[in-house]
Amino acid sequence: MEIVKKKVIPVIFGLNGYNLTKDEIKIISENKIFGFIIFKRNILNFEQLKKLIEHVKILSLNTPIIMIDHEGGRVNRFNSIFDQKKYTGLYFGKLFKFNKAKFYAEAKNFINFNTNIFKYLGINTIAYPVTDLTYSKTHSVIGDRSFSSAVDIVNKLSKFFINEYQKLGINCISKHVPGHGLAIEDSHLELPIVKESYSFLMENDFKCFQSLNPKFMMTAHIKYNSLDSKLATYSKKIISIVRKKIKFKGLIMTDDICMKALRESLFFKVTQPLLAGCDIILHCNGNNNEMKKIISIFKK
């Protein structure tokens, strides 16, 4: 009898709550899912989260990525357990500019603290750093999550955090390639449109991402008028720029396809990024019916 090997489904799914639902148990145990992302809705305390992640790993037919979107500052999924409000990207950017010795000491303590927690829990991937450049018009959804308005500081600090985390065994996801800083809208709510020229983008926003070596980069759900009529996550031309001009050789994942910047059908939101050259789809809302539909798309 011929044994048919299951292919890995190139999706990172969000989960519903503190424990797996019956649907999630079935989905995980019957399919090779690339990975899962942890949110605040999944965290009651460390022991509960550790058990949830262990359950996912036991059920999985492969070794999944266990990802968390954790930056410090206001993006802290553990803020009911510990406080990192001080450690915004902007805080680290200013510290690097004015007191490098203090920057390296605080940044390494921050990284070591987070890494110890992640390893205890079973998390192996972090959606960090924010490699977006700040402008006076940058939307507050990025705001102090960015390191700086200076290209060299954003690039140097992104490189530092990526190298330090990955040396310790935590994969990094640099975001939001090729740059979210020029957007004046929040892509969680609507589609931002950037009008600056290709040459301006290459010398500024895109340059922040050059010479970085994270395991992943995450796309921006942004339309760049000077480059393509399609938004970046759907654009073969823009993904090609990430590969050929920014020279990124790792895996490219979408930002969350549940965000309202994307208005198309679920089928389109899953298939078009892959046709454009993305490697992984990120689906965060934990909707089990949508998860089943996405799996069915890959099984056709």
C-alpha atoms as a PDB file:
ATOM      1  CA  MET A   1       0.000   0.000   0.000  1.00  0.00           C
ATOM      2  CA  GLU A   2       1.387   3.417  -0.983  1.00  0.00           C
ATOM      3  CA  ILE A   3       1.852   5.833   1.910  1.00  0.00           C
ATOM      4  CA  VAL A   4       0.830   9.381   1.000  1.00  0.00           C
ATOM      5  CA  LYS A   5       2.902  11.967   2.853  1.00  0.00           C
ATOM      6  CA  LYS A   6       0.998  15.027   4.057  1.00  0.00           C
ATOM      7  CA  LYS A   7       2.365  18.351   2.888  1.00  0.00           C
ATOM      8  CA  VAL A   8       2.912  21.176   5.339  1.00  0.00           C
ATOM      9  CA  ILE A   9       0.097  23.705   5.054  1.00  0.00           C
ATOM     10  CA  PRO A  10       1.925  27.082   4.851  1.00  0.00           C
ATOM     11  CA  VAL A  11      -0.246  28.909   7.371  1.00  0.00           C
ATOM     12  CA  ILE A  12       0.238  30.239  10.887  1.00  0.00           C
ATOM     13  CA  PHE A  13      -3.100  30.117  12.698  1.00  0.00           C
ATOM     14  CA  GLY A  14      -4.340  31.954  15.757  1.00  0.00           C
ATOM     15  CA  LEU A  15      -6.105  29.904  18.434  1.00  0.00           C
ATOM     16  CA  ASN A  16      -9.371  30.633  20.262  1.00  0.00           C
ATOM     17  CA  GLY A  17      -8.598  30.703  23.952  1.00  0.00           C
ATOM     18  CA  TYR A  18      -6.866  29.155  26.950  1.00  0.00           C
ATOM     19  CA  ASN A  19      -7.523  25.589  25.744  1.00  0.00           C
ATOM     20  CA  LEU A  20      -7.900  23.988  22.335  1.00  0.00           C
ATOM     21  CA  THR A  21     -11.414  23.594  20.964  1.00  0.00           C
ATOM     22  CA  LYS A  22     -12.592  20.259  19.550  1.00  0.00           C
ATOM     23  CA  ASP A  23     -12.226  21.715  16.048  1.00  0.00           C
ATOM     24  CA  GLU A  24      -8.677  22.851  16.773  1.00  0.00           C
ATOM     25  CA  ILE A  25      -7.721  19.422  18.124  1.00  0.00           C
ATOM     26  CA  LYS A  26      -9.009  17.859  14.906  1.00  0.00           C
ATOM     27  CA  ILE A  27      -7.336  20.455  12.670  1.00  0.00           C
ATOM     28  CA  ILE A  28      -3.947  20.113  14.377  1.00  0.00           C
ATOM     29  CA  SER A  29      -3.953  16.321  14.666  1.00  0.00           C
ATOM     30  CA  GLU A  30      -5.016  15.702  11.054  1.00  0.00           C
ATOM     31  CA  ASN A  31      -2.830  18.259   9.249  1.00  0.00           C
ATOM     32  CA  LYS A  32       0.733  19.502   9.134  1.00  0.00           C
ATOM     33  CA  ILE A  33       0.190  23.149  10.033  1.00  0.00           C
ATOM     34  CA  PHE A  34       3.270  25.364   9.661  1.00  0.00           C
ATOM     35  CA  GLY A  35       2.689  27.209  12.919  1.00  0.00           C
ATOM     36  CA  PHE A  36       0.525  28.952  15.494  1.00  0.00           C
ATOM     37  CA  ILE A  37       0.500  32.468  16.975  1.00  0.00           C
ATOM     38  CA  ILE A  38      -0.172  33.271  20.627  1.00  0.00           C
ATOM     39  CA  PHE A  39      -2.275  36.279  21.676  1.00  0.00           C
ATOM     40  CA  LYS A  40      -3.429  37.737  24.978  1.00  0.00           C
ATOM     41  CA  ARG A  41      -6.661  35.713  24.629  1.00  0.00           C
ATOM     42  CA  ASN A  42      -4.535  32.565  24.963  1.00  0.00           C
ATOM     43  CA  ILE A  43      -2.739  33.636  28.159  1.00  0.00           C
ATOM     44  CA  LEU A  44      -4.215  33.165  31.623  1.00  0.00           C
ATOM     45  CA  ASN A  45      -0.889  32.460  33.309  1.00  0.00           C
ATOM     46  CA  PHE A  46       2.439  30.828  32.469  1.00  0.00           C
ATOM     47  CA  GLU A  47       1.458  27.298  33.527  1.00  0.00           C
ATOM     48  CA  GLN A  48      -1.758  27.363  31.493  1.00  0.00           C
ATOM     49  CA  LEU A  49       0.053  28.717  28.416  1.00  0.00           C
ATOM     50  CA  LYS A  50       2.842  26.170  28.730  1.00  0.00           C
ATOM     51  CA  LYS A  51       0.213  23.376  28.786  1.00  0.00           C
ATOM     52  CA  LEU A  52      -1.608  24.858  25.777  1.00  0.00           C
ATOM     53  CA  ILE A  53       1.619  24.994  23.741  1.00  0.00           C
ATOM     54  CA  GLU A  54       2.600  21.472  24.834  1.00  0.00           C
ATOM     55  CA  HIS A  55      -0.848  20.234  23.738  1.00  0.00           C
ATOM     56  CA  VAL A  56      -0.374  21.845  20.312  1.00  0.00           C
ATOM     57  CA  LYS A  57       3.061  20.259  19.912  1.00  0.00           C
ATOM     58  CA  ILE A  58       1.893  16.799  21.029  1.00  0.00           C
ATOM     59  CA  LEU A  59      -0.966  16.847  18.516  1.00  0.00           C
ATOM     60  CA  SER A  60       1.062  18.271  15.626  1.00  0.00           C
ATOM     61  CA  LEU A  61       2.199  16.043  12.779  1.00  0.00           C
ATOM     62  CA  ASN A  62       5.291  18.247  12.375  1.00  0.00           C
ATOM     63  CA  THR A  63       7.347  20.565  14.566  1.00  0.00           C
ATOM     64  CA  PRO A  64       5.357  23.804  14.342  1.00  0.00           C
ATOM     65  CA  ILE A  65       6.506  27.382  14.659  1.00  0.00           C
ATOM     66  CA  ILE A  66       5.079  28.800  17.903  1.00  0.00           C
ATOM     67  CA  MET A  67       5.016  32.542  17.381  1.00  0.00           C
ATOM     68  CA  ILE A  68       4.185  35.543  19.535  1.00  0.00           C
ATOM     69  CA  ASP A  69       3.799  39.193  18.559  1.00  0.00           C
ATOM     70  CA  HIS A  70       5.778  40.714  21.414  1.00  0.00           C
ATOM     71  CA  GLU A  71       7.714  43.967  21.199  1.00  0.00           C
ATOM     72  CA  GLY A  72       7.670  45.542  24.624  1.00  0.00           C
ATOM     73  CA  GLY A  73       6.004  48.923  24.944  1.00  0.00           C
ATOM     74  CA  ARG A  74       2.295  48.660  24.146  1.00  0.00           C
ATOM     75  CA  VAL A  75       2.666  45.407  22.223  1.00  0.00           C
ATOM     76  CA  ASN A  76       3.006  43.014  25.168  1.00  0.00           C
ATOM     77  CA  ARG A  77       0.762  39.940  25.228  1.00  0.00           C
ATOM     78  CA  PHE A  78       1.872  39.294  28.824  1.00  0.00           C
ATOM     79  CA  ASN A  79       0.954  42.699  30.228  1.00  0.00           C
ATOM     80  CA  SER A  80      -1.373  41.145  32.819  1.00  0.00           C
ATOM     81  CA  ILE A  81       1.687  39.247  34.119  1.00  0.00           C
ATOM     82  CA  PHE A  82       4.617  41.639  33.640  1.00  0.00           C
ATOM     83  CA  ASP A  83       5.097  45.230  32.487  1.00  0.00           C
ATOM     84  CA  GLN A  84       7.449  46.291  29.674  1.00  0.00           C
ATOM     85  CA  LYS A  85       5.827  49.641  28.846  1.00  0.00           C
ATOM     86  CA  LYS A  86       9.184  51.405  29.073  1.00  0.00           C
ATOM     87  CA  TYR A  87      10.772  49.328  26.323  1.00  0.00           C
ATOM     88  CA  THR A  88       9.314  50.852  23.186  1.00  0.00           C
ATOM     89  CA  GLY A  89      11.266  50.917  19.950  1.00  0.00           C
ATOM     90  CA  LEU A  90      11.600  54.669  20.350  1.00  0.00           C
ATOM     91  CA  TYR A  91      13.072  54.226  23.843  1.00  0.00           C
ATOM     92  CA  PHE A  92      15.753  51.896  22.493  1.00  0.00           C
ATOM     93  CA  GLY A  93      16.389  54.189  19.518  1.00  0.00           C
ATOM     94  CA  LYS A  94      16.985  57.235  21.712  1.00  0.00           C
ATOM     95  CA  LEU A  95      19.112  55.239  24.145  1.00  0.00           C
ATOM     96  CA  PHE A  96      21.296  53.996  21.287  1.00  0.00           C
ATOM     97  CA  LYS A  97      21.722  57.531  19.979  1.00  0.00           C
ATOM     98  CA  PHE A  98      22.648  59.170  23.306  1.00  0.00           C
ATOM     99  CA  ASN A  99      24.090  56.398  25.528  1.00  0.00           C
ATOM    100  CA  LYS A 100      25.277  53.331  23.657  1.00  0.00           C
ATOM    101  CA  ALA A 101      26.711  51.567  26.718  1.00  0.00           C
ATOM    102  CA  LYS A 102      23.383  51.812  28.519  1.00  0.00           C
ATOM    103  CA  PHE A 103      21.573  50.739  25.357  1.00  0.00           C
ATOM    104  CA  TYR A 104      23.542  47.507  25.029  1.00  0.00           C
ATOM    105  CA  ALA A 105      23.138  46.685  28.725  1.00  0.00           C
ATOM    106  CA  GLU A 106      19.371  47.300  28.779  1.00  0.00           C
ATOM    107  CA  ALA A 107      18.714  45.714  25.397  1.00  0.00           C
ATOM    108  CA  LYS A 108      20.563  42.521  26.347  1.00  0.00           C
ATOM    109  CA  ASN A 109      18.694  42.302  29.660  1.00  0.00           C
ATOM    110  CA  PHE A 110      15.409  42.781  27.756  1.00  0.00           C
ATOM    111  CA  ILE A 111      16.320  40.068  25.246  1.00  0.00           C
ATOM    112  CA  ASN A 112      17.529  37.602  27.896  1.00  0.00           C
ATOM    113  CA  PHE A 113      14.434  38.132  30.058  1.00  0.00           C
ATOM    114  CA  ASN A 114      12.088  37.533  27.113  1.00  0.00           C
ATOM    115  CA  THR A 115      14.094  34.595  25.772  1.00  0.00           C
ATOM    116  CA  ASN A 116      14.046  32.768  29.118  1.00  0.00           C
ATOM    117  CA  ILE A 117      10.270  33.118  29.269  1.00  0.00           C
ATOM    118  CA  PHE A 118       9.785  32.051  25.644  1.00  0.00           C
ATOM    119  CA  LYS A 119      11.948  28.956  26.064  1.00  0.00           C
ATOM    120  CA  TYR A 120      10.158  27.949  29.266  1.00  0.00           C
ATOM    121  CA  LEU A 121       6.801  28.258  27.502  1.00  0.00           C
ATOM    122  CA  GLY A 122       7.871  26.624  24.235  1.00  0.00           C
ATOM    123  CA  ILE A 123       7.724  29.745  22.045  1.00  0.00           C
ATOM    124  CA  ASN A 124      10.372  29.755  19.306  1.00  0.00           C
ATOM    125  CA  THR A 125       9.532  32.774  17.121  1.00  0.00           C
ATOM    126  CA  ILE A 126       8.947  36.472  17.838  1.00  0.00           C
ATOM    127  CA  ALA A 127       7.379  39.099  15.573  1.00  0.00           C
ATOM    128  CA  TYR A 128      10.158  41.616  16.210  1.00  0.00           C
ATOM    129  CA  PRO A 129      11.799  43.971  15.371  1.00  0.00           C
ATOM    130  CA  VAL A 130       9.674  46.749  13.874  1.00  0.00           C
ATOM    131  CA  THR A 131      11.975  47.846  11.043  1.00  0.00           C
ATOM    132  CA  ASP A 132       9.674  50.654   9.909  1.00  0.00           C
ATOM    133  CA  LEU A 133      11.056  54.171   9.582  1.00  0.00           C
ATOM    134  CA  THR A 134       9.308  57.011  11.440  1.00  0.00           C
ATOM    135  CA  TYR A 135       8.112  60.205   9.765  1.00  0.00           C
ATOM    136  CA  SER A 136       6.184  63.167  11.168  1.00  0.00           C
ATOM    137  CA  LYS A 137       3.108  61.782   9.401  1.00  0.00           C
ATOM    138  CA  THR A 138       3.554  58.146  10.498  1.00  0.00           C
ATOM    139  CA  HIS A 139       0.292  56.728  11.843  1.00  0.00           C
ATOM    140  CA  SER A 140       0.175  56.091  15.587  1.00  0.00           C
ATOM    141  CA  VAL A 141      -0.364  52.366  14.931  1.00  0.00           C
ATOM    142  CA  ILE A 142       3.410  52.337  14.316  1.00  0.00           C
ATOM    143  CA  GLY A 143       4.434  55.448  16.269  1.00  0.00           C
ATOM    144  CA  ASP A 144       6.766  54.635  19.157  1.00  0.00           C
ATOM    145  CA  ARG A 145       7.084  51.027  17.985  1.00  0.00           C
ATOM    146  CA  SER A 146       9.676  52.295  15.482  1.00  0.00           C
ATOM    147  CA  PHE A 147      13.265  52.827  16.578  1.00  0.00           C
ATOM    148  CA  SER A 148      13.894  56.096  14.788  1.00  0.00           C
ATOM    149  CA  SER A 149      13.428  58.491  11.887  1.00  0.00           C
ATOM    150  CA  ALA A 150      17.062  57.777  10.929  1.00  0.00           C
ATOM    151  CA  VAL A 151      17.615  54.938   8.458  1.00  0.00           C
ATOM    152  CA  ASP A 152      20.964  53.884   9.911  1.00  0.00           C
ATOM    153  CA  ILE A 153      19.597  53.602  13.470  1.00  0.00           C
ATOM    154  CA  VAL A 154      16.569  51.558  12.371  1.00  0.00           C
ATOM    155  CA  ASN A 155      18.789  49.248  10.344  1.00  0.00           C
ATOM    156  CA  LYS A 156      21.514  48.875  13.004  1.00  0.00           C
ATOM    157  CA  LEU A 157      19.080  48.221  15.852  1.00  0.00           C
ATOM    158  CA  SER A 158      17.032  45.783  13.781  1.00  0.00           C
ATOM    159  CA  LYS A 159      20.226  43.898  12.950  1.00  0.00           C
ATOM    160  CA  PHE A 160      21.309  43.894  16.607  1.00  0.00           C
ATOM    161  CA  PHE A 161      18.009  42.551  17.989  1.00  0.00           C
ATOM    162  CA  ILE A 162      17.710  39.928  15.239  1.00  0.00           C
ATOM    163  CA  ASN A 163      21.258  38.668  15.776  1.00  0.00           C
ATOM    164  CA  GLU A 164      20.926  38.576  19.577  1.00  0.00           C
ATOM    165  CA  TYR A 165      17.570  36.787  19.633  1.00  0.00           C
ATOM    166  CA  GLN A 166      18.552  34.298  16.939  1.00  0.00           C
ATOM    167  CA  LYS A 167      21.885  33.503  18.668  1.00  0.00           C
ATOM    168  CA  LEU A 168      19.739  32.419  21.625  1.00  0.00           C
ATOM    169  CA  GLY A 169      17.477  30.245  19.478  1.00  0.00           C
ATOM    170  CA  ILE A 170      14.496  32.568  18.997  1.00  0.00           C
ATOM    171  CA  ASN A 171      13.558  33.193  15.341  1.00  0.00           C
ATOM    172  CA  CYS A 172      12.799  36.818  14.431  1.00  0.00           C
ATOM    173  CA  ILE A 173      10.206  38.306  12.084  1.00  0.00           C
ATOM    174  CA  SER A 174      11.257  41.736  10.823  1.00  0.00           C
ATOM    175  CA  LYS A 175       8.220  43.854   9.951  1.00  0.00           C
ATOM    176  CA  HIS A 176       6.555  45.388   7.963  1.00  0.00           C
ATOM    177  CA  VAL A 177       8.490  44.976   4.709  1.00  0.00           C
ATOM    178  CA  PRO A 178       9.010  47.036   2.600  1.00  0.00           C
ATOM    179  CA  GLY A 179       8.016  49.708   5.163  1.00  0.00           C
ATOM    180  CA  HIS A 180       4.938  50.998   7.001  1.00  0.00           C
ATOM    181  CA  GLY A 181       6.232  54.406   8.128  1.00  0.00           C
ATOM    182  CA  LEU A 182       4.823  56.471   5.254  1.00  0.00           C
ATOM    183  CA  ALA A 183       1.296  55.170   5.797  1.00  0.00           C
ATOM    184  CA  ILE A 184      -1.121  57.650   7.366  1.00  0.00           C
ATOM    185  CA  GLU A 185      -3.831  55.006   7.837  1.00  0.00           C
ATOM    186  CA  ASP A 186      -4.007  51.953  10.103  1.00  0.00           C
ATOM    187  CA  SER A 187      -3.962  48.800   7.953  1.00  0.00           C
ATOM    188  CA  HIS A 188      -5.929  46.987  10.661  1.00  0.00           C
ATOM    189  CA  LEU A 189      -8.859  49.196   9.604  1.00  0.00           C
ATOM    190  CA  GLU A 190      -8.289  50.315   6.002  1.00  0.00           C
ATOM    191  CA  LEU A 191      -5.826  50.102   3.115  1.00  0.00           C
ATOM    192  CA  PRO A 192      -3.024  52.687   3.370  1.00  0.00           C
ATOM    193  CA  ILE A 193      -1.783  54.191   0.112  1.00  0.00           C
ATOM    194  CA  VAL A 194       1.795  55.475  -0.167  1.00  0.00           C
ATOM    195  CA  LYS A 195       2.584  57.851  -3.030  1.00  0.00           C
ATOM    196  CA  GLU A 196       6.336  58.435  -2.682  1.00  0.00           C
ATOM    197  CA  SER A 197       8.610  57.526  -5.604  1.00  0.00           C
ATOM    198  CA  TYR A 198      10.530  54.287  -6.013  1.00  0.00           C
ATOM    199  CA  SER A 199      13.884  56.110  -5.638  1.00  0.00           C
ATOM    200  CA  PHE A 200      12.735  57.749  -2.374  1.00  0.00           C
ATOM    201  CA  LEU A 201      11.501  54.406  -1.007  1.00  0.00           C
ATOM    202  CA  MET A 202      14.749  52.653  -1.918  1.00  0.00           C
ATOM    203  CA  GLU A 203      16.866  55.280  -0.123  1.00  0.00           C
ATOM    204  CA  ASN A 204      14.688  55.376   2.971  1.00  0.00           C
ATOM    205  CA  ASP A 205      12.044  52.816   3.998  1.00  0.00           C
ATOM    206  CA  PHE A 206      13.336  49.909   1.935  1.00  0.00           C
ATOM    207  CA  LYS A 207      16.929  50.573   2.995  1.00  0.00           C
ATOM    208  CA  CYS A 208      16.031  49.899   6.643  1.00  0.00           C
ATOM    209  CA  PHE A 209      15.471  46.217   5.744  1.00  0.00           C
ATOM    210  CA  GLN A 210      18.716  45.688   3.823  1.00  0.00           C
ATOM    211  CA  SER A 211      21.471  43.387   5.132  1.00  0.00           C
ATOM    212  CA  LEU A 212      19.200  41.867   7.784  1.00  0.00           C
ATOM    213  CA  ASN A 213      19.105  38.131   8.376  1.00  0.00           C
ATOM    214  CA  PRO A 214      15.914  37.272  10.259  1.00  0.00           C
ATOM    215  CA  LYS A 215      14.288  33.889   9.752  1.00  0.00           C
ATOM    216  CA  PHE A 216      11.215  35.748   8.429  1.00  0.00           C
ATOM    217  CA  MET A 217      10.052  39.094   7.139  1.00  0.00           C
ATOM    218  CA  MET A 218       6.387  40.142   7.402  1.00  0.00           C
ATOM    219  CA  THR A 219       4.737  42.107   4.604  1.00  0.00           C
ATOM    220  CA  ALA A 220       2.959  45.441   4.936  1.00  0.00           C
ATOM    221  CA  HIS A 221      -0.684  45.548   3.809  1.00  0.00           C
ATOM    222  CA  ILE A 222       0.029  48.775   1.934  1.00  0.00           C
ATOM    223  CA  LYS A 223      -0.403  49.925  -1.652  1.00  0.00           C
ATOM    224  CA  TYR A 224       2.674  51.723  -3.055  1.00  0.00           C
ATOM    225  CA  ASN A 225       1.347  53.702  -6.032  1.00  0.00           C
ATOM    226  CA  SER A 226       4.757  54.172  -7.647  1.00  0.00           C
ATOM    227  CA  LEU A 227       5.381  50.423  -7.704  1.00  0.00           C
ATOM    228  CA  ASP A 228       2.179  48.518  -8.410  1.00  0.00           C
ATOM    229  CA  SER A 229      -1.600  48.776  -8.467  1.00  0.00           C
ATOM    230  CA  LYS A 230      -1.658  45.773  -6.106  1.00  0.00           C
ATOM    231  CA  LEU A 231      -0.924  46.120  -2.396  1.00  0.00           C
ATOM    232  CA  ALA A 232       2.436  44.750  -1.258  1.00  0.00           C
ATOM    233  CA  THR A 233       1.134  41.452   0.150  1.00  0.00           C
ATOM    234  CA  TYR A 234      -0.425  40.645  -3.255  1.00  0.00           C
ATOM    235  CA  SER A 235       2.290  42.092  -5.475  1.00  0.00           C
ATOM    236  CA  LYS A 236       4.749  39.887  -7.326  1.00  0.00           C
ATOM    237  CA  LYS A 237       6.693  43.023  -8.263  1.00  0.00           C
ATOM    238  CA  ILE A 238       7.078  44.180  -4.639  1.00  0.00           C
ATOM    239  CA  ILE A 239       7.944  40.719  -3.318  1.00  0.00           C
ATOM    240  CA  SER A 240      10.556  40.585  -6.104  1.00  0.00           C
ATOM    241  CA  ILE A 241      12.011  43.877  -4.796  1.00  0.00           C
ATOM    242  CA  VAL A 242      12.257  42.315  -1.337  1.00  0.00           C
ATOM    243  CA  ARG A 243      14.154  39.387  -2.854  1.00  0.00           C
ATOM    244  CA  LYS A 244      16.329  41.131  -5.458  1.00  0.00           C
ATOM    245  CA  LYS A 245      16.881  44.665  -4.135  1.00  0.00           C
ATOM    246  CA  ILE A 246      16.553  44.231  -0.374  1.00  0.00           C
ATOM    247  CA  LYS A 247      18.194  40.810  -0.942  1.00  0.00           C
ATOM    248  CA  PHE A 248      16.246  38.906   1.687  1.00  0.00           C
ATOM    249  CA  LYS A 249      16.783  35.146   1.467  1.00  0.00           C
ATOM    250  CA  GLY A 250      14.583  33.913   4.323  1.00  0.00           C
ATOM    251  CA  LEU A 251      10.851  33.212   4.437  1.00  0.00           C
ATOM    252  CA  ILE A 252       8.312  35.935   3.710  1.00  0.00           C
ATOM    253  CA  MET A 253       5.030  35.827   5.615  1.00  0.00           C
ATOM    254  CA  THR A 254       1.993  38.024   5.209  1.00  0.00           C
ATOM    255  CA  ASP A 255       0.747  40.299   7.910  1.00  0.00           C
ATOM    256  CA  ASP A 256      -2.564  39.034   9.301  1.00  0.00           C
ATOM    257  CA  ILE A 257      -4.958  38.391   6.402  1.00  0.00           C
ATOM    258  CA  CYS A 258      -7.886  39.079   8.766  1.00  0.00           C
ATOM    259  CA  MET A 259      -6.985  42.796   8.815  1.00  0.00           C
ATOM    260  CA  LYS A 260      -9.480  45.136   7.134  1.00  0.00           C
ATOM    261  CA  ALA A 261      -6.953  46.479   4.628  1.00  0.00           C
ATOM    262  CA  LEU A 262      -7.700  43.226   2.784  1.00  0.00           C
ATOM    263  CA  ARG A 263     -11.269  43.219   1.445  1.00  0.00           C
ATOM    264  CA  GLU A 264     -11.175  40.246  -0.896  1.00  0.00           C
ATOM    265  CA  SER A 265     -12.561  36.731  -0.473  1.00  0.00           C
ATOM    266  CA  LEU A 266     -10.849  34.308   1.885  1.00  0.00           C
ATOM    267  CA  PHE A 267      -9.761  32.233  -1.127  1.00  0.00           C
ATOM    268  CA  PHE A 268      -8.091  35.273  -2.730  1.00  0.00           C
ATOM    269  CA  LYS A 269      -6.441  36.378   0.539  1.00  0.00           C
ATOM    270  CA  VAL A 270      -4.905  32.917   0.938  1.00  0.00           C
ATOM    271  CA  THR A 271      -3.841  32.227  -2.649  1.00  0.00           C
ATOM    272  CA  GLN A 272      -2.765  35.614  -4.045  1.00  0.00           C
ATOM    273  CA  PRO A 273       0.108  36.227  -1.585  1.00  0.00           C
ATOM    274  CA  LEU A 274       1.546  32.814  -2.457  1.00  0.00           C
ATOM    275  CA  LEU A 275       1.245  33.555  -6.195  1.00  0.00           C
ATOM    276  CA  ALA A 276       3.053  36.846  -5.528  1.00  0.00           C
ATOM    277  CA  GLY A 277       5.962  35.033  -3.844  1.00  0.00           C
ATOM    278  CA  CYS A 278       5.098  34.973  -0.139  1.00  0.00           C
ATOM    279  CA  ASP A 279       5.899  31.707   1.636  1.00  0.00           C
ATOM    280  CA  ILE A 280       3.556  31.762   4.653  1.00  0.00           C
ATOM    281  CA  ILE A 281       0.009  33.035   5.308  1.00  0.00           C
ATOM    282  CA  LEU A 282      -0.729  34.534   8.736  1.00  0.00           C
ATOM    283  CA  HIS A 283      -4.347  34.060   9.882  1.00  0.00           C
ATOM    284  CA  CYS A 284      -4.866  35.363  13.406  1.00  0.00           C
ATOM    285  CA  ASN A 285      -8.543  35.547  14.367  1.00  0.00           C
ATOM    286  CA  GLY A 286      -8.913  31.956  15.614  1.00  0.00           C
ATOM    287  CA  ASN A 287     -12.102  31.410  13.596  1.00  0.00           C
ATOM    288  CA  ASN A 288     -12.225  27.623  13.316  1.00  0.00           C
ATOM    289  CA  ASN A 289     -14.597  27.662  10.327  1.00  0.00           C
ATOM    290  CA  GLU A 290     -12.201  29.904   8.404  1.00  0.00           C
ATOM    291  CA  MET A 291      -9.285  27.686   9.436  1.00  0.00           C
ATOM    292  CA  LYS A 292     -11.083  24.650   7.995  1.00  0.00           C
ATOM    293  CA  LYS A 293     -11.840  26.531   4.766  1.00  0.00           C
ATOM    294  CA  ILE A 294      -8.180  27.531   4.415  1.00  0.00           C
ATOM    295  CA  ILE A 295      -7.052  23.934   4.895  1.00  0.00           C
ATOM    296  CA  SER A 296      -9.554  22.814   2.248  1.00  0.00           C
ATOM    297  CA  ILE A 297      -8.047  25.325  -0.200  1.00  0.00           C
ATOM    298  CA  PHE A 298      -4.640  23.652   0.150  1.00  0.00           C
ATOM    299  CA  LYS A 299      -6.109  20.169  -0.180  1.00  0.00           C
ATOM    300  CA  LYS A 300      -7.777  20.853  -3.548  1.00  0.00           C
END
